[in-house]
Amino acid sequence: MIENKKAFYDYEILEQYECGICLLGWEVKAIAQKSCSIAGSHCIIQAGEVMLIGASIGSSENDMQRSRQLLLHKKEISRLIGKTQEKGLTLVPLKVYTVRGKFKLTIGVAKGKREYDKRESEKKRDIENENRRIIKSQKLS
């Protein structure tokens, strides 16, 4: 499983959708070997199709930066068109994983976080980690 951890830090995820990916043979092999990165990539809607832009899959000798079509139902695509036309919302890939031998991609409808939102989420994470450490030390003694 390949995750885009930066997306959860930079964006507030409002909805998530699971979709298939149109891949070539060498791309399937590269993802199976975990030679893939979706950090910094995004999704756009062109002519009624959802496309993954900027994901690097495989080695440099192949066309690793090409755009890839994402497979969704027409109702989901029309819902995403409405969502992305709202101000400040975008489509961000979150993770790549396998389901019954097929690679799936989870995309999220996301709203960008401001700097103070990012600091607030860091504080929450630090507090949760500190609480876990305290509970763990109490269990050991």
N, C-alpha and C. Protein backbone atom coordinates (compact mmCIF):
# COMPACT_ATOMS: atom_id res chain seq x y z
N MET A 1 0.85 -1.18 0.00
CA MET A 1 0.00 0.00 0.00
C MET A 1 0.89 1.25 0.00
N ILE A 2 0.59 2.16 -0.88
CA ILE A 2 1.34 3.40 -1.03
C ILE A 2 0.44 4.55 -0.62
N GLU A 3 0.88 5.36 0.35
CA GLU A 3 0.05 6.45 0.86
C GLU A 3 0.64 7.80 0.51
N ASN A 4 -0.24 8.79 0.42
CA ASN A 4 0.16 10.18 0.22
C ASN A 4 -0.04 10.89 1.55
N LYS A 5 0.94 10.77 2.45
CA LYS A 5 0.82 11.33 3.79
C LYS A 5 0.78 12.86 3.77
N LYS A 6 1.42 13.44 2.77
CA LYS A 6 1.44 14.90 2.67
C LYS A 6 0.04 15.46 2.41
N ALA A 7 -0.80 14.69 1.73
CA ALA A 7 -2.15 15.15 1.43
C ALA A 7 -2.96 15.35 2.71
N PHE A 8 -2.79 14.46 3.67
CA PHE A 8 -3.54 14.58 4.93
C PHE A 8 -3.03 15.76 5.74
N TYR A 9 -1.78 16.17 5.53
CA TYR A 9 -1.23 17.31 6.25
C TYR A 9 -1.64 18.63 5.58
N ASP A 10 -1.61 18.66 4.25
CA ASP A 10 -1.88 19.89 3.51
C ASP A 10 -3.36 20.15 3.26
N TYR A 11 -4.18 19.12 3.30
CA TYR A 11 -5.60 19.27 2.95
C TYR A 11 -6.50 18.70 4.03
N GLU A 12 -7.70 19.22 4.08
CA GLU A 12 -8.77 18.65 4.89
C GLU A 12 -9.61 17.80 3.94
N ILE A 13 -9.66 16.49 4.17
CA ILE A 13 -10.35 15.57 3.27
C ILE A 13 -11.83 15.54 3.65
N LEU A 14 -12.69 15.91 2.68
CA LEU A 14 -14.13 15.97 2.92
C LEU A 14 -14.84 14.67 2.54
N GLU A 15 -14.50 14.11 1.38
CA GLU A 15 -15.09 12.85 0.91
C GLU A 15 -14.01 12.01 0.28
N GLN A 16 -14.24 10.68 0.26
CA GLN A 16 -13.29 9.78 -0.37
C GLN A 16 -14.02 8.88 -1.36
N TYR A 17 -13.35 8.60 -2.49
CA TYR A 17 -13.90 7.72 -3.52
C TYR A 17 -12.84 6.68 -3.88
N GLU A 18 -13.28 5.45 -4.13
CA GLU A 18 -12.40 4.40 -4.59
C GLU A 18 -12.57 4.26 -6.10
N CYS A 19 -11.45 4.21 -6.82
CA CYS A 19 -11.54 4.08 -8.27
C CYS A 19 -10.43 3.18 -8.78
N GLY A 20 -10.62 2.66 -9.97
CA GLY A 20 -9.61 1.85 -10.63
C GLY A 20 -8.67 2.76 -11.42
N ILE A 21 -7.55 2.20 -11.86
CA ILE A 21 -6.57 2.96 -12.62
C ILE A 21 -6.27 2.20 -13.91
N CYS A 22 -6.23 2.91 -15.04
CA CYS A 22 -5.80 2.31 -16.31
C CYS A 22 -4.28 2.32 -16.34
N LEU A 23 -3.67 1.13 -16.28
CA LEU A 23 -2.22 1.01 -16.22
C LEU A 23 -1.71 0.16 -17.37
N LEU A 24 -0.45 0.38 -17.73
CA LEU A 24 0.25 -0.47 -18.67
C LEU A 24 0.92 -1.60 -17.89
N GLY A 25 1.40 -2.61 -18.60
CA GLY A 25 1.99 -3.77 -17.95
C GLY A 25 3.17 -3.45 -17.06
N TRP A 26 4.08 -2.61 -17.55
CA TRP A 26 5.26 -2.28 -16.75
C TRP A 26 4.89 -1.45 -15.53
N GLU A 27 3.78 -0.69 -15.61
CA GLU A 27 3.34 0.10 -14.45
C GLU A 27 2.79 -0.80 -13.35
N VAL A 28 2.08 -1.85 -13.74
CA VAL A 28 1.56 -2.80 -12.76
C VAL A 28 2.71 -3.45 -12.01
N LYS A 29 3.73 -3.84 -12.76
CA LYS A 29 4.90 -4.47 -12.15
C LYS A 29 5.61 -3.50 -11.20
N ALA A 30 5.72 -2.23 -11.60
CA ALA A 30 6.40 -1.23 -10.77
C ALA A 30 5.62 -0.97 -9.48
N ILE A 31 4.29 -0.88 -9.56
CA ILE A 31 3.50 -0.66 -8.35
C ILE A 31 3.58 -1.86 -7.43
N ALA A 32 3.60 -3.06 -7.99
CA ALA A 32 3.72 -4.27 -7.17
C ALA A 32 5.05 -4.28 -6.42
N GLN A 33 6.09 -3.69 -7.02
CA GLN A 33 7.39 -3.60 -6.36
C GLN A 33 7.53 -2.34 -5.51
N LYS A 34 6.43 -1.60 -5.36
CA LYS A 34 6.36 -0.36 -4.58
C LYS A 34 7.30 0.72 -5.13
N SER A 35 7.47 0.75 -6.44
CA SER A 35 8.27 1.77 -7.10
C SER A 35 7.33 2.83 -7.66
N CYS A 36 6.62 3.49 -6.74
CA CYS A 36 5.58 4.43 -7.13
C CYS A 36 5.50 5.54 -6.08
N SER A 37 5.15 6.74 -6.55
CA SER A 37 4.97 7.86 -5.63
C SER A 37 3.79 8.70 -6.11
N ILE A 38 2.83 8.95 -5.22
CA ILE A 38 1.69 9.80 -5.57
C ILE A 38 1.75 11.12 -4.82
N ALA A 39 2.85 11.37 -4.11
CA ALA A 39 3.01 12.65 -3.41
C ALA A 39 3.18 13.76 -4.44
N GLY A 40 2.46 14.83 -4.27
CA GLY A 40 2.56 15.96 -5.19
C GLY A 40 1.71 15.82 -6.43
N SER A 41 0.96 14.73 -6.56
CA SER A 41 0.11 14.56 -7.74
C SER A 41 -1.31 15.04 -7.43
N HIS A 42 -2.10 15.20 -8.48
CA HIS A 42 -3.47 15.65 -8.32
C HIS A 42 -4.33 15.05 -9.42
N CYS A 43 -5.63 15.22 -9.31
CA CYS A 43 -6.58 14.70 -10.30
C CYS A 43 -7.34 15.85 -10.93
N ILE A 44 -7.60 15.72 -12.22
CA ILE A 44 -8.40 16.72 -12.93
C ILE A 44 -9.49 15.99 -13.72
N ILE A 45 -10.50 16.75 -14.11
CA ILE A 45 -11.59 16.19 -14.92
C ILE A 45 -11.52 16.83 -16.30
N GLN A 46 -11.32 15.99 -17.33
CA GLN A 46 -11.23 16.45 -18.71
C GLN A 46 -12.22 15.65 -19.55
N ALA A 47 -13.10 16.34 -20.23
CA ALA A 47 -14.04 15.71 -21.16
C ALA A 47 -14.78 14.53 -20.54
N GLY A 48 -15.23 14.70 -19.31
CA GLY A 48 -16.00 13.66 -18.64
C GLY A 48 -15.18 12.50 -18.12
N GLU A 49 -13.86 12.62 -18.10
CA GLU A 49 -12.99 11.58 -17.57
C GLU A 49 -12.13 12.17 -16.45
N VAL A 50 -11.89 11.38 -15.43
CA VAL A 50 -11.03 11.81 -14.33
C VAL A 50 -9.63 11.29 -14.63
N MET A 51 -8.64 12.19 -14.57
CA MET A 51 -7.27 11.85 -14.91
C MET A 51 -6.35 12.09 -13.71
N LEU A 52 -5.40 11.18 -13.51
CA LEU A 52 -4.37 11.32 -12.49
C LEU A 52 -3.14 11.96 -13.13
N ILE A 53 -2.73 13.11 -12.60
CA ILE A 53 -1.63 13.88 -13.16
C ILE A 53 -0.48 13.94 -12.15
N GLY A 54 0.73 13.71 -12.60
CA GLY A 54 1.91 13.94 -11.77
C GLY A 54 2.34 12.79 -10.90
N ALA A 55 1.72 11.62 -11.02
CA ALA A 55 2.17 10.47 -10.23
C ALA A 55 3.32 9.82 -10.96
N SER A 56 4.39 9.53 -10.24
CA SER A 56 5.54 8.89 -10.87
C SER A 56 5.52 7.40 -10.53
N ILE A 57 5.46 6.60 -11.60
CA ILE A 57 5.41 5.15 -11.45
C ILE A 57 6.53 4.56 -12.27
N GLY A 58 7.36 3.74 -11.65
CA GLY A 58 8.40 3.04 -12.37
C GLY A 58 9.71 3.78 -12.42
N SER A 59 10.56 3.32 -13.32
CA SER A 59 11.91 3.88 -13.44
C SER A 59 11.95 4.96 -14.51
N SER A 60 13.08 5.60 -14.64
CA SER A 60 13.20 6.76 -15.53
C SER A 60 13.22 6.40 -17.00
N GLU A 61 13.48 5.15 -17.36
CA GLU A 61 13.55 4.82 -18.78
C GLU A 61 12.16 4.78 -19.43
N ASN A 62 11.14 4.66 -18.65
CA ASN A 62 9.78 4.64 -19.19
C ASN A 62 9.11 5.99 -18.95
N ASP A 63 7.95 6.15 -19.53
CA ASP A 63 7.19 7.41 -19.40
C ASP A 63 6.50 7.41 -18.05
N MET A 64 7.23 7.78 -16.99
CA MET A 64 6.69 7.63 -15.65
C MET A 64 5.77 8.77 -15.22
N GLN A 65 5.76 9.90 -15.92
CA GLN A 65 4.95 11.05 -15.53
C GLN A 65 3.69 11.21 -16.38
N ARG A 66 3.32 10.21 -17.15
CA ARG A 66 2.16 10.36 -18.03
C ARG A 66 0.87 10.44 -17.21
N SER A 67 -0.17 10.99 -17.82
CA SER A 67 -1.46 11.06 -17.13
C SER A 67 -2.18 9.73 -17.30
N ARG A 68 -2.87 9.30 -16.26
CA ARG A 68 -3.55 8.01 -16.26
C ARG A 68 -5.04 8.20 -15.99
N GLN A 69 -5.86 7.47 -16.71
CA GLN A 69 -7.31 7.58 -16.55
C GLN A 69 -7.74 6.82 -15.30
N LEU A 70 -8.66 7.42 -14.56
CA LEU A 70 -9.23 6.78 -13.38
C LEU A 70 -10.63 6.28 -13.73
N LEU A 71 -10.99 5.12 -13.23
CA LEU A 71 -12.25 4.48 -13.58
C LEU A 71 -13.28 4.69 -12.48
N LEU A 72 -14.31 5.46 -12.79
CA LEU A 72 -15.40 5.75 -11.86
C LEU A 72 -16.72 5.60 -12.60
N HIS A 73 -17.81 5.45 -11.85
CA HIS A 73 -19.14 5.44 -12.44
C HIS A 73 -19.52 6.85 -12.89
N LYS A 74 -20.42 6.95 -13.86
CA LYS A 74 -20.82 8.25 -14.40
C LYS A 74 -21.45 9.14 -13.33
N LYS A 75 -22.22 8.54 -12.42
CA LYS A 75 -22.83 9.33 -11.34
C LYS A 75 -21.76 9.91 -10.43
N GLU A 76 -20.73 9.12 -10.14
CA GLU A 76 -19.64 9.62 -9.30
C GLU A 76 -18.88 10.74 -10.01
N ILE A 77 -18.65 10.59 -11.30
CA ILE A 77 -17.95 11.63 -12.05
C ILE A 77 -18.75 12.93 -12.07
N SER A 78 -20.07 12.83 -12.29
CA SER A 78 -20.89 14.04 -12.30
C SER A 78 -20.92 14.69 -10.92
N ARG A 79 -20.90 13.90 -9.86
CA ARG A 79 -20.86 14.45 -8.51
C ARG A 79 -19.52 15.14 -8.26
N LEU A 80 -18.44 14.55 -8.76
CA LEU A 80 -17.12 15.16 -8.61
C LEU A 80 -16.99 16.45 -9.41
N ILE A 81 -17.63 16.50 -10.59
CA ILE A 81 -17.60 17.73 -11.38
C ILE A 81 -18.25 18.86 -10.59
N GLY A 82 -19.38 18.57 -9.96
CA GLY A 82 -20.05 19.58 -9.15
C GLY A 82 -19.22 20.01 -7.96
N LYS A 83 -18.54 19.05 -7.33
CA LYS A 83 -17.72 19.37 -6.16
C LYS A 83 -16.50 20.21 -6.53
N THR A 84 -15.84 19.87 -7.64
CA THR A 84 -14.61 20.59 -8.00
C THR A 84 -14.90 21.99 -8.54
N GLN A 85 -16.14 22.26 -8.96
CA GLN A 85 -16.48 23.59 -9.42
C GLN A 85 -16.70 24.55 -8.25
N GLU A 86 -16.90 24.00 -7.04
CA GLU A 86 -17.00 24.85 -5.85
C GLU A 86 -15.63 25.47 -5.58
N LYS A 87 -15.65 26.65 -5.03
CA LYS A 87 -14.40 27.37 -4.79
C LYS A 87 -13.58 26.69 -3.70
N GLY A 88 -12.32 26.44 -3.99
CA GLY A 88 -11.40 25.92 -2.99
C GLY A 88 -11.35 24.41 -2.85
N LEU A 89 -12.10 23.66 -3.65
CA LEU A 89 -12.08 22.20 -3.55
C LEU A 89 -11.29 21.60 -4.71
N THR A 90 -10.56 20.54 -4.42
CA THR A 90 -9.75 19.87 -5.43
C THR A 90 -9.78 18.37 -5.19
N LEU A 91 -9.29 17.60 -6.17
CA LEU A 91 -9.21 16.15 -6.05
C LEU A 91 -7.75 15.76 -5.81
N VAL A 92 -7.54 14.99 -4.74
CA VAL A 92 -6.19 14.61 -4.35
C VAL A 92 -6.13 13.09 -4.19
N PRO A 93 -5.13 12.41 -4.80
CA PRO A 93 -4.97 10.97 -4.58
C PRO A 93 -4.44 10.71 -3.17
N LEU A 94 -5.02 9.71 -2.49
CA LEU A 94 -4.66 9.45 -1.10
C LEU A 94 -3.84 8.17 -0.93
N LYS A 95 -4.27 7.07 -1.54
CA LYS A 95 -3.50 5.83 -1.42
C LYS A 95 -3.77 4.88 -2.57
N VAL A 96 -2.79 4.03 -2.84
CA VAL A 96 -2.88 2.98 -3.85
C VAL A 96 -2.79 1.65 -3.12
N TYR A 97 -3.69 0.71 -3.44
CA TYR A 97 -3.71 -0.59 -2.78
C TYR A 97 -4.32 -1.62 -3.71
N THR A 98 -4.29 -2.88 -3.32
CA THR A 98 -4.85 -3.94 -4.14
C THR A 98 -6.15 -4.47 -3.53
N VAL A 99 -7.08 -4.80 -4.41
CA VAL A 99 -8.33 -5.47 -4.03
C VAL A 99 -8.53 -6.61 -5.01
N ARG A 100 -8.43 -7.84 -4.52
CA ARG A 100 -8.59 -9.04 -5.35
C ARG A 100 -7.72 -8.99 -6.61
N GLY A 101 -6.47 -8.62 -6.43
CA GLY A 101 -5.52 -8.63 -7.53
C GLY A 101 -5.56 -7.43 -8.45
N LYS A 102 -6.41 -6.45 -8.16
CA LYS A 102 -6.49 -5.25 -8.98
C LYS A 102 -6.05 -4.05 -8.15
N PHE A 103 -5.34 -3.12 -8.80
CA PHE A 103 -4.89 -1.93 -8.09
C PHE A 103 -6.00 -0.88 -8.06
N LYS A 104 -6.24 -0.34 -6.90
CA LYS A 104 -7.26 0.70 -6.70
C LYS A 104 -6.58 1.95 -6.15
N LEU A 105 -7.21 3.07 -6.40
CA LEU A 105 -6.72 4.36 -5.91
C LEU A 105 -7.85 5.03 -5.15
N THR A 106 -7.56 5.53 -3.97
CA THR A 106 -8.54 6.31 -3.22
C THR A 106 -8.24 7.78 -3.47
N ILE A 107 -9.25 8.50 -3.98
CA ILE A 107 -9.09 9.93 -4.17
C ILE A 107 -10.00 10.65 -3.19
N GLY A 108 -9.61 11.83 -2.80
CA GLY A 108 -10.39 12.59 -1.84
C GLY A 108 -10.73 13.97 -2.37
N VAL A 109 -11.96 14.40 -2.07
CA VAL A 109 -12.34 15.78 -2.33
C VAL A 109 -11.79 16.57 -1.15
N ALA A 110 -10.87 17.49 -1.45
CA ALA A 110 -10.11 18.14 -0.38
C ALA A 110 -10.20 19.65 -0.45
N LYS A 111 -10.07 20.24 0.73
CA LYS A 111 -10.01 21.69 0.86
C LYS A 111 -8.67 22.02 1.50
N GLY A 112 -7.94 22.96 0.94
CA GLY A 112 -6.62 23.30 1.44
C GLY A 112 -6.66 23.86 2.84
N LYS A 113 -5.69 23.45 3.66
CA LYS A 113 -5.57 23.97 5.02
C LYS A 113 -4.74 25.25 5.01
N ARG A 114 -5.05 26.13 5.93
CA ARG A 114 -4.23 27.32 6.13
C ARG A 114 -3.11 26.98 7.10
N GLU A 115 -2.16 27.87 7.24
CA GLU A 115 -0.99 27.61 8.08
C GLU A 115 -1.38 27.38 9.54
N TYR A 116 -2.34 28.15 10.04
CA TYR A 116 -2.73 27.97 11.44
C TYR A 116 -3.48 26.65 11.65
N ASP A 117 -4.18 26.16 10.62
CA ASP A 117 -4.82 24.84 10.72
C ASP A 117 -3.77 23.74 10.83
N LYS A 118 -2.68 23.89 10.07
CA LYS A 118 -1.62 22.89 10.12
C LYS A 118 -0.97 22.87 11.49
N ARG A 119 -0.73 24.06 12.08
CA ARG A 119 -0.14 24.11 13.41
C ARG A 119 -1.07 23.47 14.44
N GLU A 120 -2.36 23.71 14.29
CA GLU A 120 -3.34 23.13 15.22
C GLU A 120 -3.34 21.61 15.13
N SER A 121 -3.27 21.05 13.93
CA SER A 121 -3.25 19.59 13.79
C SER A 121 -1.95 19.01 14.36
N GLU A 122 -0.83 19.73 14.23
CA GLU A 122 0.42 19.28 14.84
C GLU A 122 0.30 19.25 16.36
N LYS A 123 -0.33 20.26 16.95
CA LYS A 123 -0.51 20.29 18.40
C LYS A 123 -1.36 19.11 18.86
N LYS A 124 -2.45 18.83 18.14
CA LYS A 124 -3.31 17.70 18.50
C LYS A 124 -2.53 16.39 18.45
N ARG A 125 -1.73 16.22 17.40
CA ARG A 125 -0.94 15.00 17.25
C ARG A 125 0.07 14.87 18.38
N ASP A 126 0.72 15.96 18.76
CA ASP A 126 1.69 15.92 19.85
C ASP A 126 1.02 15.58 21.17
N ILE A 127 -0.16 16.13 21.42
CA ILE A 127 -0.90 15.82 22.65
C ILE A 127 -1.29 14.35 22.70
N GLU A 128 -1.76 13.82 21.57
CA GLU A 128 -2.14 12.40 21.52
C GLU A 128 -0.93 11.50 21.76
N ASN A 129 0.21 11.85 21.18
CA ASN A 129 1.42 11.05 21.39
C ASN A 129 1.86 11.10 22.85
N GLU A 130 1.78 12.26 23.47
CA GLU A 130 2.16 12.39 24.88
C GLU A 130 1.22 11.57 25.77
N ASN A 131 -0.07 11.59 25.47
CA ASN A 131 -1.03 10.79 26.24
C ASN A 131 -0.74 9.30 26.09
N ARG A 132 -0.40 8.86 24.89
CA ARG A 132 -0.06 7.45 24.68
C ARG A 132 1.17 7.06 25.48
N ARG A 133 2.18 7.94 25.52
CA ARG A 133 3.39 7.65 26.28
C ARG A 133 3.09 7.54 27.78
N ILE A 134 2.24 8.43 28.28
CA ILE A 134 1.89 8.41 29.70
C ILE A 134 1.13 7.13 30.04
N ILE A 135 0.18 6.75 29.22
CA ILE A 135 -0.60 5.53 29.46
C ILE A 135 0.29 4.31 29.40
N LYS A 136 1.21 4.27 28.43
CA LYS A 136 2.12 3.14 28.29
C LYS A 136 3.04 3.01 29.50
N SER A 137 3.53 4.15 30.01
CA SER A 137 4.42 4.10 31.18
C SER A 137 3.66 3.67 32.43
N GLN A 138 2.37 4.04 32.53
CA GLN A 138 1.56 3.64 33.68
C GLN A 138 1.28 2.14 33.63
N LYS A 139 1.11 1.58 32.45
CA LYS A 139 0.86 0.15 32.33
C LYS A 139 2.09 -0.68 32.70
N LEU A 140 3.27 -0.16 32.38
CA LEU A 140 4.51 -0.88 32.67
C LEU A 140 4.85 -0.87 34.15
N SER A 141 4.46 0.17 34.88
CA SER A 141 4.81 0.21 36.31
C SER A 141 3.75 -0.35 37.20
